[in-house]
Amino acid sequence: MAANTKSRNNVSDKKQKVSEKAGLDQESVKSIGRPSKYRPEFAEQAKKLCALGATDAQLADFFEVAISTVSLWKVQHKEFSEAINLPKAEADSRVEQSLYRRAMGYEHDDVDIRVIEGQIVETRVRKYYPPDTAAMIFWLKNRKPQDWRDKVQQEHSGPEGGPIQLNFTTTDADL
């Protein structure tokens, strides 16, 4: 880790020395190195993909860059970061609401379509979905892990939370 930090510092130092010799300003220094693949239209494309539930890994695949590059774009380009944050939050919210409805059970209106004697017959129906135990468990494990997680954490301590006192004594019977 220290070597990696040292390497970054060396690159920064080299850029600073080059910029001083060439008389470049800070913006010009940022452009030293490989040009960015980022384009302003990526913000709108990323927004649409995130509204469909895309993750950072899927964005990276779409833009043909590394995940770390997508993370860098979020830091360097405010419009890109803002474009993906809201759709991601909205998609997460929709999934949370669906999980909640599935855990609690729900009803909805539907239309049953059948062909009877050569005629299409539409019948309005009310569908009922009972509460789903797996959805309940998932919800509770994530929302209340202190009460519902599978892993039981054992704490061993002495009186009033202090260290456990061990008393080893031997008797003639032990020998």
N, C-alpha and C. Protein backbone atom coordinates (compact mmCIF):
# COMPACT_ATOMS: atom_id res chain seq x y z
N MET A 1 0.83 -1.18 0.00
CA MET A 1 0.00 0.00 0.00
C MET A 1 0.88 1.25 0.00
N ALA A 2 1.92 1.24 0.81
CA ALA A 2 2.81 2.40 0.88
C ALA A 2 3.50 2.62 -0.47
N ALA A 3 3.85 1.53 -1.15
CA ALA A 3 4.49 1.65 -2.46
C ALA A 3 3.53 2.27 -3.46
N ASN A 4 2.26 1.91 -3.38
CA ASN A 4 1.25 2.46 -4.28
C ASN A 4 1.10 3.96 -4.06
N THR A 5 1.04 4.39 -2.80
CA THR A 5 0.95 5.81 -2.47
C THR A 5 2.19 6.55 -2.93
N LYS A 6 3.36 5.93 -2.73
CA LYS A 6 4.61 6.54 -3.15
C LYS A 6 4.63 6.72 -4.67
N SER A 7 4.12 5.70 -5.40
CA SER A 7 4.06 5.78 -6.86
C SER A 7 3.16 6.92 -7.31
N ARG A 8 1.99 7.07 -6.65
CA ARG A 8 1.08 8.16 -7.00
C ARG A 8 1.72 9.52 -6.74
N ASN A 9 2.44 9.62 -5.60
CA ASN A 9 3.10 10.87 -5.28
C ASN A 9 4.17 11.20 -6.31
N ASN A 10 4.90 10.18 -6.78
CA ASN A 10 5.91 10.40 -7.81
C ASN A 10 5.28 10.92 -9.09
N VAL A 11 4.13 10.36 -9.48
CA VAL A 11 3.44 10.81 -10.68
C VAL A 11 3.00 12.26 -10.50
N SER A 12 2.44 12.58 -9.33
CA SER A 12 2.02 13.96 -9.05
C SER A 12 3.20 14.92 -9.10
N ASP A 13 4.32 14.50 -8.50
CA ASP A 13 5.51 15.34 -8.50
C ASP A 13 6.01 15.57 -9.93
N LYS A 14 6.00 14.51 -10.74
CA LYS A 14 6.46 14.64 -12.13
C LYS A 14 5.56 15.58 -12.91
N LYS A 15 4.23 15.46 -12.72
CA LYS A 15 3.29 16.36 -13.41
C LYS A 15 3.53 17.80 -12.99
N GLN A 16 3.78 18.01 -11.70
CA GLN A 16 3.99 19.37 -11.21
C GLN A 16 5.28 19.95 -11.82
N LYS A 17 6.34 19.15 -11.88
CA LYS A 17 7.60 19.63 -12.45
C LYS A 17 7.45 19.96 -13.94
N VAL A 18 6.74 19.07 -14.66
CA VAL A 18 6.51 19.31 -16.08
C VAL A 18 5.70 20.59 -16.28
N SER A 19 4.66 20.75 -15.45
CA SER A 19 3.81 21.93 -15.60
C SER A 19 4.57 23.21 -15.29
N GLU A 20 5.45 23.18 -14.30
CA GLU A 20 6.24 24.37 -13.95
C GLU A 20 7.19 24.73 -15.09
N LYS A 21 7.86 23.72 -15.67
CA LYS A 21 8.79 23.97 -16.76
C LYS A 21 8.07 24.51 -18.00
N ALA A 22 6.88 23.96 -18.25
CA ALA A 22 6.14 24.36 -19.45
C ALA A 22 5.27 25.58 -19.22
N GLY A 23 5.16 26.02 -17.98
CA GLY A 23 4.32 27.17 -17.66
C GLY A 23 2.83 26.88 -17.81
N LEU A 24 2.40 25.65 -17.45
CA LEU A 24 1.00 25.25 -17.58
C LEU A 24 0.22 25.55 -16.30
N ASP A 25 -1.09 25.81 -16.45
CA ASP A 25 -1.95 26.01 -15.29
C ASP A 25 -2.46 24.65 -14.79
N GLN A 26 -3.23 24.64 -13.69
CA GLN A 26 -3.71 23.40 -13.08
C GLN A 26 -4.62 22.61 -14.03
N GLU A 27 -5.49 23.26 -14.80
CA GLU A 27 -6.37 22.55 -15.73
C GLU A 27 -5.57 21.82 -16.80
N SER A 28 -4.51 22.46 -17.26
CA SER A 28 -3.66 21.82 -18.27
C SER A 28 -2.94 20.62 -17.69
N VAL A 29 -2.58 20.72 -16.41
CA VAL A 29 -1.88 19.62 -15.76
C VAL A 29 -2.79 18.40 -15.67
N LYS A 30 -4.08 18.61 -15.39
CA LYS A 30 -5.02 17.50 -15.29
C LYS A 30 -5.10 16.72 -16.58
N SER A 31 -4.89 17.37 -17.70
CA SER A 31 -5.03 16.70 -18.98
C SER A 31 -3.78 15.93 -19.39
N ILE A 32 -2.72 16.02 -18.58
CA ILE A 32 -1.51 15.26 -18.88
C ILE A 32 -1.80 13.79 -18.64
N GLY A 33 -1.43 12.94 -19.55
CA GLY A 33 -1.70 11.51 -19.43
C GLY A 33 -2.72 11.08 -20.45
N ARG A 34 -3.26 9.89 -20.27
CA ARG A 34 -4.23 9.33 -21.20
C ARG A 34 -5.51 10.16 -21.18
N PRO A 35 -6.06 10.49 -22.35
CA PRO A 35 -7.31 11.25 -22.37
C PRO A 35 -8.46 10.40 -21.83
N SER A 36 -9.40 11.04 -21.19
CA SER A 36 -10.55 10.36 -20.60
C SER A 36 -11.50 9.89 -21.70
N LYS A 37 -12.12 8.74 -21.48
CA LYS A 37 -13.13 8.25 -22.42
C LYS A 37 -14.48 8.91 -22.15
N TYR A 38 -14.58 9.66 -21.07
CA TYR A 38 -15.85 10.26 -20.68
C TYR A 38 -16.34 11.27 -21.71
N ARG A 39 -17.63 11.22 -22.00
CA ARG A 39 -18.29 12.18 -22.87
C ARG A 39 -19.53 12.69 -22.15
N PRO A 40 -19.92 13.94 -22.32
CA PRO A 40 -21.09 14.49 -21.63
C PRO A 40 -22.37 13.69 -21.84
N GLU A 41 -22.53 13.08 -23.01
CA GLU A 41 -23.76 12.30 -23.28
C GLU A 41 -23.85 11.03 -22.43
N PHE A 42 -22.72 10.63 -21.80
CA PHE A 42 -22.73 9.44 -20.95
C PHE A 42 -23.66 9.62 -19.75
N ALA A 43 -23.82 10.84 -19.27
CA ALA A 43 -24.67 11.10 -18.11
C ALA A 43 -26.10 10.68 -18.41
N GLU A 44 -26.62 11.07 -19.56
CA GLU A 44 -28.00 10.72 -19.92
C GLU A 44 -28.15 9.22 -20.17
N GLN A 45 -27.15 8.62 -20.80
CA GLN A 45 -27.19 7.18 -21.05
C GLN A 45 -27.17 6.41 -19.72
N ALA A 46 -26.30 6.84 -18.80
CA ALA A 46 -26.19 6.19 -17.50
C ALA A 46 -27.49 6.35 -16.71
N LYS A 47 -28.11 7.52 -16.82
CA LYS A 47 -29.38 7.77 -16.13
C LYS A 47 -30.44 6.76 -16.58
N LYS A 48 -30.54 6.55 -17.88
CA LYS A 48 -31.53 5.61 -18.41
C LYS A 48 -31.22 4.17 -17.99
N LEU A 49 -29.94 3.81 -18.02
CA LEU A 49 -29.56 2.46 -17.61
C LEU A 49 -29.85 2.22 -16.13
N CYS A 50 -29.55 3.22 -15.29
CA CYS A 50 -29.78 3.07 -13.85
C CYS A 50 -31.27 3.03 -13.52
N ALA A 51 -32.09 3.71 -14.31
CA ALA A 51 -33.54 3.64 -14.11
C ALA A 51 -34.05 2.23 -14.38
N LEU A 52 -33.31 1.47 -15.19
CA LEU A 52 -33.66 0.08 -15.46
C LEU A 52 -33.00 -0.88 -14.46
N GLY A 53 -32.26 -0.30 -13.49
CA GLY A 53 -31.66 -1.13 -12.44
C GLY A 53 -30.20 -1.47 -12.64
N ALA A 54 -29.51 -0.80 -13.55
CA ALA A 54 -28.10 -1.11 -13.82
C ALA A 54 -27.23 -0.78 -12.62
N THR A 55 -26.22 -1.62 -12.40
CA THR A 55 -25.23 -1.41 -11.34
C THR A 55 -24.01 -0.71 -11.93
N ASP A 56 -23.08 -0.32 -11.07
CA ASP A 56 -21.84 0.30 -11.56
C ASP A 56 -21.08 -0.67 -12.47
N ALA A 57 -21.08 -1.95 -12.13
CA ALA A 57 -20.39 -2.95 -12.96
C ALA A 57 -21.03 -3.02 -14.35
N GLN A 58 -22.35 -2.93 -14.40
CA GLN A 58 -23.03 -2.97 -15.69
C GLN A 58 -22.80 -1.69 -16.48
N LEU A 59 -22.71 -0.54 -15.79
CA LEU A 59 -22.36 0.70 -16.47
C LEU A 59 -20.96 0.60 -17.08
N ALA A 60 -20.03 0.07 -16.30
CA ALA A 60 -18.66 -0.09 -16.78
C ALA A 60 -18.63 -0.98 -18.02
N ASP A 61 -19.39 -2.05 -18.00
CA ASP A 61 -19.46 -2.94 -19.16
C ASP A 61 -20.05 -2.22 -20.37
N PHE A 62 -21.11 -1.44 -20.14
CA PHE A 62 -21.75 -0.70 -21.24
C PHE A 62 -20.79 0.31 -21.87
N PHE A 63 -20.08 1.06 -21.02
CA PHE A 63 -19.16 2.09 -21.52
C PHE A 63 -17.78 1.52 -21.88
N GLU A 64 -17.61 0.22 -21.67
CA GLU A 64 -16.36 -0.48 -21.98
C GLU A 64 -15.17 0.12 -21.24
N VAL A 65 -15.36 0.30 -19.92
CA VAL A 65 -14.30 0.78 -19.04
C VAL A 65 -14.30 -0.07 -17.78
N ALA A 66 -13.31 0.16 -16.93
CA ALA A 66 -13.23 -0.55 -15.65
C ALA A 66 -14.22 0.08 -14.66
N ILE A 67 -14.62 -0.70 -13.65
CA ILE A 67 -15.52 -0.19 -12.62
C ILE A 67 -14.88 1.01 -11.92
N SER A 68 -13.57 0.96 -11.73
CA SER A 68 -12.87 2.08 -11.08
C SER A 68 -13.00 3.36 -11.91
N THR A 69 -13.10 3.22 -13.22
CA THR A 69 -13.27 4.39 -14.09
C THR A 69 -14.64 5.02 -13.87
N VAL A 70 -15.67 4.18 -13.73
CA VAL A 70 -17.01 4.69 -13.44
C VAL A 70 -16.99 5.43 -12.11
N SER A 71 -16.32 4.86 -11.12
CA SER A 71 -16.20 5.52 -9.81
C SER A 71 -15.48 6.86 -9.94
N LEU A 72 -14.45 6.91 -10.76
CA LEU A 72 -13.71 8.16 -10.99
C LEU A 72 -14.60 9.18 -11.68
N TRP A 73 -15.38 8.76 -12.66
CA TRP A 73 -16.28 9.68 -13.36
C TRP A 73 -17.30 10.28 -12.39
N LYS A 74 -17.75 9.48 -11.41
CA LYS A 74 -18.72 10.00 -10.43
C LYS A 74 -18.09 11.12 -9.60
N VAL A 75 -16.81 11.03 -9.36
CA VAL A 75 -16.10 12.06 -8.58
C VAL A 75 -15.77 13.27 -9.46
N GLN A 76 -15.32 13.02 -10.67
CA GLN A 76 -14.86 14.09 -11.54
C GLN A 76 -15.97 14.83 -12.28
N HIS A 77 -17.10 14.18 -12.50
CA HIS A 77 -18.16 14.77 -13.31
C HIS A 77 -19.47 14.78 -12.52
N LYS A 78 -19.77 15.95 -11.97
CA LYS A 78 -20.95 16.11 -11.11
C LYS A 78 -22.23 15.69 -11.83
N GLU A 79 -22.35 16.05 -13.10
CA GLU A 79 -23.57 15.73 -13.85
C GLU A 79 -23.74 14.22 -14.00
N PHE A 80 -22.63 13.48 -14.10
CA PHE A 80 -22.69 12.02 -14.21
C PHE A 80 -23.16 11.43 -12.88
N SER A 81 -22.57 11.89 -11.79
CA SER A 81 -22.94 11.41 -10.46
C SER A 81 -24.41 11.67 -10.17
N GLU A 82 -24.87 12.90 -10.44
CA GLU A 82 -26.27 13.25 -10.19
C GLU A 82 -27.21 12.46 -11.08
N ALA A 83 -26.78 12.20 -12.31
CA ALA A 83 -27.63 11.49 -13.27
C ALA A 83 -27.89 10.05 -12.84
N ILE A 84 -26.94 9.43 -12.14
CA ILE A 84 -27.15 8.02 -11.76
C ILE A 84 -27.68 7.84 -10.35
N ASN A 85 -27.47 8.81 -9.47
CA ASN A 85 -27.90 8.62 -8.08
C ASN A 85 -29.41 8.55 -7.92
N LEU A 86 -30.15 9.45 -8.52
CA LEU A 86 -31.60 9.47 -8.37
C LEU A 86 -32.26 8.22 -8.98
N PRO A 87 -31.93 7.85 -10.22
CA PRO A 87 -32.55 6.63 -10.76
C PRO A 87 -32.22 5.37 -9.95
N LYS A 88 -30.99 5.29 -9.41
CA LYS A 88 -30.63 4.13 -8.58
C LYS A 88 -31.49 4.10 -7.32
N ALA A 89 -31.66 5.26 -6.70
CA ALA A 89 -32.47 5.34 -5.48
C ALA A 89 -33.93 4.98 -5.78
N GLU A 90 -34.44 5.45 -6.91
CA GLU A 90 -35.82 5.13 -7.29
C GLU A 90 -35.99 3.64 -7.57
N ALA A 91 -35.03 3.03 -8.26
CA ALA A 91 -35.10 1.60 -8.54
C ALA A 91 -35.04 0.80 -7.23
N ASP A 92 -34.15 1.19 -6.34
CA ASP A 92 -34.05 0.52 -5.03
C ASP A 92 -35.37 0.63 -4.27
N SER A 93 -35.97 1.81 -4.31
CA SER A 93 -37.24 2.03 -3.62
C SER A 93 -38.34 1.14 -4.18
N ARG A 94 -38.41 1.01 -5.51
CA ARG A 94 -39.42 0.15 -6.12
C ARG A 94 -39.24 -1.30 -5.69
N VAL A 95 -37.99 -1.75 -5.63
CA VAL A 95 -37.72 -3.13 -5.21
C VAL A 95 -38.09 -3.31 -3.74
N GLU A 96 -37.75 -2.34 -2.91
CA GLU A 96 -38.11 -2.42 -1.49
C GLU A 96 -39.62 -2.51 -1.31
N GLN A 97 -40.36 -1.70 -2.06
CA GLN A 97 -41.82 -1.73 -1.97
C GLN A 97 -42.37 -3.07 -2.44
N SER A 98 -41.80 -3.62 -3.50
CA SER A 98 -42.24 -4.92 -4.00
C SER A 98 -41.95 -6.02 -2.98
N LEU A 99 -40.77 -5.97 -2.38
CA LEU A 99 -40.43 -6.96 -1.35
C LEU A 99 -41.38 -6.84 -0.17
N TYR A 100 -41.68 -5.63 0.25
CA TYR A 100 -42.59 -5.41 1.36
C TYR A 100 -43.98 -5.97 1.03
N ARG A 101 -44.50 -5.67 -0.16
CA ARG A 101 -45.82 -6.18 -0.56
C ARG A 101 -45.82 -7.71 -0.60
N ARG A 102 -44.72 -8.28 -1.09
CA ARG A 102 -44.64 -9.75 -1.16
C ARG A 102 -44.58 -10.35 0.24
N ALA A 103 -43.86 -9.70 1.14
CA ALA A 103 -43.78 -10.20 2.52
C ALA A 103 -45.12 -10.11 3.23
N MET A 104 -45.88 -9.05 2.97
CA MET A 104 -47.15 -8.82 3.65
C MET A 104 -48.34 -9.49 2.95
N GLY A 105 -48.17 -9.84 1.68
CA GLY A 105 -49.29 -10.33 0.90
C GLY A 105 -50.02 -9.15 0.30
N TYR A 106 -50.63 -9.35 -0.87
CA TYR A 106 -51.33 -8.24 -1.51
C TYR A 106 -52.35 -8.76 -2.51
N GLU A 107 -53.19 -7.87 -2.96
CA GLU A 107 -54.20 -8.16 -3.97
C GLU A 107 -54.08 -7.14 -5.09
N HIS A 108 -54.51 -7.53 -6.28
CA HIS A 108 -54.57 -6.57 -7.38
C HIS A 108 -55.60 -7.02 -8.40
N ASP A 109 -56.12 -6.05 -9.13
CA ASP A 109 -57.09 -6.34 -10.18
C ASP A 109 -56.36 -6.84 -11.41
N ASP A 110 -56.99 -7.77 -12.12
CA ASP A 110 -56.38 -8.35 -13.31
C ASP A 110 -57.51 -8.69 -14.29
N VAL A 111 -57.13 -9.10 -15.48
CA VAL A 111 -58.10 -9.52 -16.49
C VAL A 111 -57.71 -10.90 -16.96
N ASP A 112 -58.65 -11.83 -16.86
CA ASP A 112 -58.45 -13.20 -17.35
C ASP A 112 -58.96 -13.23 -18.79
N ILE A 113 -58.11 -13.60 -19.72
CA ILE A 113 -58.49 -13.64 -21.14
C ILE A 113 -58.51 -15.10 -21.60
N ARG A 114 -59.67 -15.51 -22.15
CA ARG A 114 -59.82 -16.89 -22.64
C ARG A 114 -60.57 -16.86 -23.96
N VAL A 115 -60.39 -17.93 -24.72
CA VAL A 115 -61.16 -18.10 -25.95
C VAL A 115 -62.22 -19.17 -25.65
N ILE A 116 -63.49 -18.75 -25.74
CA ILE A 116 -64.61 -19.67 -25.48
C ILE A 116 -65.49 -19.68 -26.73
N GLU A 117 -65.62 -20.87 -27.30
CA GLU A 117 -66.40 -21.07 -28.52
C GLU A 117 -66.00 -20.08 -29.61
N GLY A 118 -64.69 -19.88 -29.76
CA GLY A 118 -64.17 -19.02 -30.81
C GLY A 118 -64.22 -17.53 -30.50
N GLN A 119 -64.70 -17.16 -29.35
CA GLN A 119 -64.80 -15.76 -28.95
C GLN A 119 -63.80 -15.47 -27.82
N ILE A 120 -63.20 -14.29 -27.91
CA ILE A 120 -62.30 -13.86 -26.82
C ILE A 120 -63.17 -13.28 -25.71
N VAL A 121 -63.00 -13.87 -24.51
CA VAL A 121 -63.79 -13.44 -23.37
C VAL A 121 -62.84 -12.88 -22.30
N GLU A 122 -63.07 -11.64 -21.92
CA GLU A 122 -62.28 -10.99 -20.87
C GLU A 122 -63.11 -10.94 -19.60
N THR A 123 -62.52 -11.46 -18.52
CA THR A 123 -63.21 -11.46 -17.23
C THR A 123 -62.33 -10.75 -16.21
N ARG A 124 -62.90 -9.75 -15.57
CA ARG A 124 -62.16 -9.05 -14.52
C ARG A 124 -62.12 -9.94 -13.28
N VAL A 125 -60.91 -10.04 -12.71
CA VAL A 125 -60.71 -10.85 -11.51
C VAL A 125 -59.87 -10.08 -10.51
N ARG A 126 -59.92 -10.52 -9.29
CA ARG A 126 -59.08 -9.94 -8.22
C ARG A 126 -58.12 -11.05 -7.79
N LYS A 127 -56.81 -10.85 -8.03
CA LYS A 127 -55.82 -11.85 -7.66
C LYS A 127 -55.30 -11.56 -6.26
N TYR A 128 -55.09 -12.63 -5.51
CA TYR A 128 -54.59 -12.52 -4.15
C TYR A 128 -53.28 -13.29 -4.03
N TYR A 129 -52.29 -12.65 -3.49
CA TYR A 129 -51.00 -13.29 -3.24
C TYR A 129 -50.79 -13.31 -1.73
N PRO A 130 -50.71 -14.49 -1.13
CA PRO A 130 -50.55 -14.57 0.32
C PRO A 130 -49.16 -14.10 0.74
N PRO A 131 -49.00 -13.76 2.01
CA PRO A 131 -47.65 -13.38 2.49
C PRO A 131 -46.65 -14.49 2.21
N ASP A 132 -45.44 -14.08 1.88
CA ASP A 132 -44.38 -15.03 1.53
C ASP A 132 -43.36 -15.08 2.67
N THR A 133 -43.19 -16.27 3.24
CA THR A 133 -42.30 -16.43 4.39
C THR A 133 -40.86 -16.07 4.05
N ALA A 134 -40.37 -16.47 2.88
CA ALA A 134 -38.99 -16.16 2.49
C ALA A 134 -38.78 -14.65 2.40
N ALA A 135 -39.76 -13.93 1.84
CA ALA A 135 -39.65 -12.47 1.76
C ALA A 135 -39.65 -11.85 3.15
N MET A 136 -40.45 -12.40 4.05
CA MET A 136 -40.48 -11.90 5.43
C MET A 136 -39.12 -12.07 6.09
N ILE A 137 -38.56 -13.26 5.94
CA ILE A 137 -37.26 -13.55 6.56
C ILE A 137 -36.19 -12.62 6.01
N PHE A 138 -36.17 -12.47 4.68
CA PHE A 138 -35.18 -11.59 4.06
C PHE A 138 -35.33 -10.17 4.58
N TRP A 139 -36.55 -9.68 4.63
CA TRP A 139 -36.83 -8.32 5.12
C TRP A 139 -36.33 -8.16 6.56
N LEU A 140 -36.70 -9.09 7.42
CA LEU A 140 -36.35 -8.97 8.84
C LEU A 140 -34.84 -9.10 9.08
N LYS A 141 -34.19 -10.01 8.36
CA LYS A 141 -32.75 -10.18 8.53
C LYS A 141 -31.99 -8.92 8.14
N ASN A 142 -32.50 -8.21 7.14
CA ASN A 142 -31.82 -7.00 6.68
C ASN A 142 -32.24 -5.76 7.45
N ARG A 143 -33.47 -5.69 7.89
CA ARG A 143 -33.95 -4.51 8.59
C ARG A 143 -33.69 -4.57 10.09
N LYS A 144 -33.66 -5.78 10.65
CA LYS A 144 -33.46 -5.94 12.09
C LYS A 144 -32.43 -7.05 12.36
N PRO A 145 -31.20 -6.86 11.88
CA PRO A 145 -30.21 -7.94 12.00
C PRO A 145 -29.90 -8.32 13.45
N GLN A 146 -30.02 -7.36 14.37
CA GLN A 146 -29.72 -7.68 15.77
C GLN A 146 -30.71 -8.71 16.33
N ASP A 147 -31.92 -8.78 15.77
CA ASP A 147 -32.93 -9.71 16.24
C ASP A 147 -33.09 -10.95 15.37
N TRP A 148 -32.74 -10.86 14.07
CA TRP A 148 -33.10 -11.91 13.14
C TRP A 148 -31.95 -12.57 12.39
N ARG A 149 -30.72 -12.17 12.61
CA ARG A 149 -29.64 -12.81 11.85
C ARG A 149 -29.41 -14.24 12.32
N ASP A 150 -28.88 -15.05 11.43
CA ASP A 150 -28.63 -16.46 11.74
C ASP A 150 -27.44 -16.64 12.67
N LYS A 151 -26.44 -15.81 12.51
CA LYS A 151 -25.23 -15.92 13.31
C LYS A 151 -25.51 -15.45 14.73
N VAL A 152 -25.24 -16.32 15.68
CA VAL A 152 -25.42 -15.96 17.08
C VAL A 152 -24.05 -15.61 17.63
N GLN A 153 -23.95 -14.42 18.17
CA GLN A 153 -22.66 -13.97 18.71
C GLN A 153 -22.66 -14.21 20.21
N GLN A 154 -21.72 -15.00 20.66
CA GLN A 154 -21.59 -15.30 22.07
C GLN A 154 -20.56 -14.38 22.69
N GLU A 155 -20.90 -13.79 23.79
CA GLU A 155 -19.94 -12.95 24.50
C GLU A 155 -19.64 -13.60 25.83
N HIS A 156 -18.37 -13.76 26.10
CA HIS A 156 -17.95 -14.37 27.35
C HIS A 156 -17.26 -13.30 28.18
N SER A 157 -17.79 -13.10 29.36
CA SER A 157 -17.16 -12.11 30.24
C SER A 157 -17.41 -12.51 31.69
N GLY A 158 -16.66 -11.90 32.54
CA GLY A 158 -16.80 -12.16 33.96
C GLY A 158 -17.85 -11.25 34.58
N PRO A 159 -17.85 -11.16 35.91
CA PRO A 159 -18.82 -10.31 36.61
C PRO A 159 -18.78 -8.86 36.11
N GLU A 160 -19.94 -8.27 35.90
CA GLU A 160 -20.09 -6.89 35.47
C GLU A 160 -19.33 -6.58 34.18
N GLY A 161 -19.25 -7.57 33.29
CA GLY A 161 -18.62 -7.37 32.00
C GLY A 161 -17.10 -7.40 32.01
N GLY A 162 -16.52 -7.69 33.15
CA GLY A 162 -15.06 -7.72 33.27
C GLY A 162 -14.47 -9.01 32.74
N PRO A 163 -13.17 -9.16 32.88
CA PRO A 163 -12.51 -10.38 32.38
C PRO A 163 -12.91 -11.60 33.22
N ILE A 164 -12.85 -12.75 32.57
CA ILE A 164 -13.15 -14.01 33.26
C ILE A 164 -11.95 -14.35 34.14
N GLN A 165 -12.23 -14.65 35.38
CA GLN A 165 -11.18 -15.03 36.31
C GLN A 165 -11.07 -16.55 36.32
N LEU A 166 -9.90 -17.05 36.06
CA LEU A 166 -9.66 -18.49 36.09
C LEU A 166 -8.88 -18.82 37.35
N ASN A 167 -9.33 -19.85 38.04
CA ASN A 167 -8.68 -20.24 39.27
C ASN A 167 -8.26 -21.68 39.13
N PHE A 168 -6.98 -21.89 38.94
CA PHE A 168 -6.47 -23.25 38.79
C PHE A 168 -5.83 -23.68 40.10
N THR A 169 -6.41 -24.68 40.69
CA THR A 169 -5.82 -25.24 41.90
C THR A 169 -5.75 -26.74 41.70
N THR A 170 -4.76 -27.33 42.23
CA THR A 170 -4.62 -28.78 42.12
C THR A 170 -4.77 -29.37 43.50
N THR A 171 -5.31 -30.54 43.50
CA THR A 171 -5.44 -31.27 44.77
C THR A 171 -4.70 -32.57 44.63
N ASP A 172 -4.55 -33.25 45.73
CA ASP A 172 -3.88 -34.56 45.71
C ASP A 172 -4.65 -35.54 44.83
N ALA A 173 -5.96 -35.37 44.73
CA ALA A 173 -6.77 -36.28 43.92
C ALA A 173 -6.49 -36.10 42.44
N ASP A 174 -6.10 -34.86 42.02
CA ASP A 174 -5.81 -34.60 40.60
C ASP A 174 -4.50 -35.24 40.18
N LEU A 175 -3.61 -35.47 41.11
CA LEU A 175 -2.30 -36.01 40.76
C LEU A 175 -2.32 -37.47 40.64
